[in-house]
N, C-alpha and C. Protein backbone atom coordinates (compact mmCIF):
# COMPACT_ATOMS: atom_id res chain seq x y z
N MET A 1 271.47 124.25 113.04
CA MET A 1 270.99 123.18 114.01
C MET A 1 272.00 122.11 114.26
N SER A 2 272.24 121.88 115.47
CA SER A 2 273.24 121.09 115.80
C SER A 2 273.14 119.85 115.26
N GLN A 3 271.99 119.28 115.08
CA GLN A 3 271.59 117.84 114.55
C GLN A 3 272.18 117.87 112.98
N ASP A 4 272.15 118.80 112.31
CA ASP A 4 272.47 119.04 110.96
C ASP A 4 274.07 118.99 110.91
N ILE A 5 274.53 119.69 111.77
CA ILE A 5 276.14 119.59 111.71
C ILE A 5 276.59 118.11 111.98
N LEU A 6 275.99 117.72 113.08
CA LEU A 6 276.43 116.31 113.40
C LEU A 6 276.30 115.26 112.36
N LYS A 7 275.19 115.47 111.59
CA LYS A 7 275.01 114.66 110.25
C LYS A 7 275.85 114.92 109.35
N ARG A 8 276.45 116.21 109.06
CA ARG A 8 277.46 116.39 108.22
C ARG A 8 278.88 115.59 108.55
N ILE A 9 279.07 115.75 109.88
CA ILE A 9 280.36 115.30 110.43
C ILE A 9 280.30 113.77 110.09
N PHE A 10 279.21 113.20 110.63
CA PHE A 10 278.88 111.60 110.40
C PHE A 10 279.10 111.33 109.02
N SER A 11 278.72 112.08 108.06
CA SER A 11 278.73 111.73 106.67
C SER A 11 280.21 112.01 105.92
N GLY A 12 280.84 112.86 106.61
CA GLY A 12 282.16 113.29 106.07
C GLY A 12 283.35 112.26 106.42
N CYS A 13 284.44 113.04 106.25
CA CYS A 13 285.61 112.50 106.61
C CYS A 13 286.41 113.13 107.64
N LEU A 14 286.89 112.56 108.67
CA LEU A 14 287.55 113.19 109.79
C LEU A 14 289.12 113.20 109.50
N PRO A 15 289.87 114.14 110.02
CA PRO A 15 289.37 115.37 110.84
C PRO A 15 288.72 116.23 109.80
N MET A 16 287.63 117.05 110.40
CA MET A 16 287.02 118.08 109.53
C MET A 16 287.30 119.51 110.12
N ARG A 17 287.53 120.19 109.42
CA ARG A 17 287.77 121.66 110.02
C ARG A 17 286.41 122.57 109.49
N PHE A 18 286.17 123.49 110.45
CA PHE A 18 285.24 124.46 110.26
C PHE A 18 285.43 125.88 110.67
N ALA A 19 285.08 127.04 109.96
CA ALA A 19 285.52 128.29 110.17
C ALA A 19 284.22 129.10 110.46
N ARG A 20 282.91 128.80 110.01
CA ARG A 20 281.96 129.54 110.05
C ARG A 20 281.47 129.81 111.45
N ARG A 21 281.21 130.94 111.84
CA ARG A 21 280.62 131.41 113.22
C ARG A 21 279.68 130.56 113.75
N ALA A 22 278.73 130.39 112.88
CA ALA A 22 277.33 129.50 113.49
C ALA A 22 277.76 128.05 113.58
N ASP A 23 278.84 127.42 112.60
CA ASP A 23 279.18 126.11 112.94
C ASP A 23 279.90 125.85 114.17
N ILE A 24 280.88 126.92 114.71
CA ILE A 24 281.68 126.59 115.75
C ILE A 24 280.79 126.86 116.92
N GLY A 25 279.61 127.52 116.87
CA GLY A 25 278.76 127.51 118.03
C GLY A 25 278.09 126.22 118.22
N HIS A 26 277.75 125.76 117.19
CA HIS A 26 277.00 124.16 117.15
C HIS A 26 278.14 123.29 117.79
N LEU A 27 279.39 123.51 117.36
CA LEU A 27 280.50 122.41 117.80
C LEU A 27 280.64 122.58 119.02
N HIS A 28 280.56 123.65 119.79
CA HIS A 28 280.81 123.90 121.23
C HIS A 28 279.56 123.29 121.69
N SER A 29 278.48 123.13 121.42
CA SER A 29 277.40 122.51 122.14
C SER A 29 277.46 120.94 121.75
N LEU A 30 277.93 120.65 120.88
CA LEU A 30 278.08 119.23 120.68
C LEU A 30 279.29 118.64 121.33
N ARG A 31 280.28 119.44 121.46
CA ARG A 31 281.26 118.92 122.46
C ARG A 31 280.93 118.91 123.83
N ASP A 32 280.28 120.11 124.26
CA ASP A 32 279.82 120.06 125.74
C ASP A 32 278.74 119.04 126.09
N ALA A 33 278.06 118.42 125.06
CA ALA A 33 277.03 117.40 125.26
C ALA A 33 277.92 116.05 125.27
N GLY A 34 279.19 116.06 124.97
CA GLY A 34 279.99 114.71 124.85
C GLY A 34 279.85 113.98 123.72
N TYR A 35 279.30 114.72 122.49
CA TYR A 35 279.10 113.94 121.19
C TYR A 35 280.53 114.00 120.38
N LEU A 36 281.18 115.01 120.54
CA LEU A 36 282.35 115.20 119.62
C LEU A 36 283.44 115.61 120.54
N SER A 37 284.83 115.11 119.86
CA SER A 37 286.06 115.62 120.14
C SER A 37 286.47 116.68 119.28
N VAL A 38 286.64 118.08 119.65
CA VAL A 38 286.78 119.02 118.92
C VAL A 38 288.03 119.92 119.56
N THR A 39 288.68 120.42 118.51
CA THR A 39 289.86 121.32 119.17
C THR A 39 289.37 122.73 118.36
N PHE A 40 289.54 123.63 119.31
CA PHE A 40 289.22 124.93 119.01
C PHE A 40 290.61 125.82 118.82
N ALA A 41 290.69 126.56 117.84
CA ALA A 41 291.95 127.23 117.61
C ALA A 41 291.95 128.60 118.51
N PRO A 42 293.07 128.91 119.11
CA PRO A 42 292.93 129.96 120.19
C PRO A 42 292.59 131.24 119.38
N PHE A 43 291.99 132.17 120.26
CA PHE A 43 291.43 133.42 119.81
C PHE A 43 292.53 134.27 119.44
N VAL A 44 292.56 134.90 118.19
CA VAL A 44 293.55 135.85 117.84
C VAL A 44 292.75 136.86 117.15
N PRO A 45 292.83 138.15 117.96
CA PRO A 45 291.93 139.46 117.42
C PRO A 45 292.29 139.60 115.93
N GLY A 46 291.25 139.91 115.09
CA GLY A 46 291.44 139.99 113.75
C GLY A 46 291.29 138.66 112.97
N ARG A 47 291.40 137.76 113.43
CA ARG A 47 291.33 136.53 112.57
C ARG A 47 290.13 135.71 112.94
N ALA A 48 289.71 135.04 112.03
CA ALA A 48 288.24 134.14 112.05
C ALA A 48 288.87 133.06 112.96
N ARG A 49 287.79 132.59 113.92
CA ARG A 49 287.89 131.37 114.48
C ARG A 49 287.71 130.13 113.69
N SER A 50 288.27 129.05 114.10
CA SER A 50 288.21 127.74 113.57
C SER A 50 288.19 126.66 114.56
N ALA A 51 287.69 125.62 113.99
CA ALA A 51 287.56 124.41 115.02
C ALA A 51 287.94 123.24 114.07
N THR A 52 288.48 121.84 114.55
CA THR A 52 288.73 120.82 114.03
C THR A 52 288.08 119.54 114.76
N VAL A 53 287.11 118.72 114.00
CA VAL A 53 286.38 117.77 114.76
C VAL A 53 287.36 116.73 114.44
N THR A 54 287.94 116.01 115.69
CA THR A 54 288.83 114.73 115.26
C THR A 54 288.15 113.53 115.28
N ASP A 55 286.94 113.33 116.13
CA ASP A 55 286.30 112.03 116.47
C ASP A 55 284.96 112.41 117.00
N ILE A 56 284.18 111.36 116.60
CA ILE A 56 282.50 111.24 117.24
C ILE A 56 282.83 110.26 118.24
N THR A 57 282.28 110.76 119.65
CA THR A 57 282.56 109.88 120.58
C THR A 57 281.62 108.68 120.71
N PRO A 58 281.66 107.71 121.51
CA PRO A 58 280.75 106.76 121.57
C PRO A 58 279.22 107.21 122.04
N LEU A 59 279.25 108.12 122.76
CA LEU A 59 278.00 108.91 123.06
C LEU A 59 277.32 109.70 121.74
N GLY A 60 278.28 110.12 120.99
CA GLY A 60 277.62 110.85 119.75
C GLY A 60 277.35 109.84 118.66
N ARG A 61 278.04 108.59 118.63
CA ARG A 61 277.37 107.45 117.80
C ARG A 61 276.08 107.20 118.27
N ALA A 62 275.90 107.07 119.52
CA ALA A 62 274.71 106.72 120.07
C ALA A 62 273.63 107.72 119.56
N ALA A 63 273.82 108.88 119.83
CA ALA A 63 272.81 109.92 119.20
C ALA A 63 272.65 109.71 117.90
N ILE A 64 273.61 109.58 117.03
CA ILE A 64 273.36 109.40 115.46
C ILE A 64 272.53 108.26 115.32
N ARG A 65 272.70 107.04 115.91
CA ARG A 65 271.73 105.92 115.88
C ARG A 65 270.29 106.47 116.16
N TYR A 66 270.26 107.21 117.36
CA TYR A 66 268.87 107.46 117.74
C TYR A 66 268.15 108.38 116.67
N PHE A 67 268.89 109.38 116.28
CA PHE A 67 268.31 110.25 115.25
C PHE A 67 268.06 109.58 113.93
N GLY A 68 268.74 108.39 113.75
CA GLY A 68 268.50 107.72 112.31
C GLY A 68 269.14 108.17 111.16
N PHE A 69 270.39 108.55 111.36
CA PHE A 69 271.12 108.87 110.44
C PHE A 69 272.79 108.54 110.47
């Protein structure tokens, strides 16, 4: 769930790198919602995708306060 990954990012240390396919899908959603600044590695056939979260946006911080974590 996107809420869970947002909580992990908030509790962790930035920049934070992700390689799991499910995490990357959630990161796309959170970036598209304007909650995170995320850099996605270019697609290379045969290699796993990765993403690096570099910042939580002001909107993301407001969502974190709203969800209470």
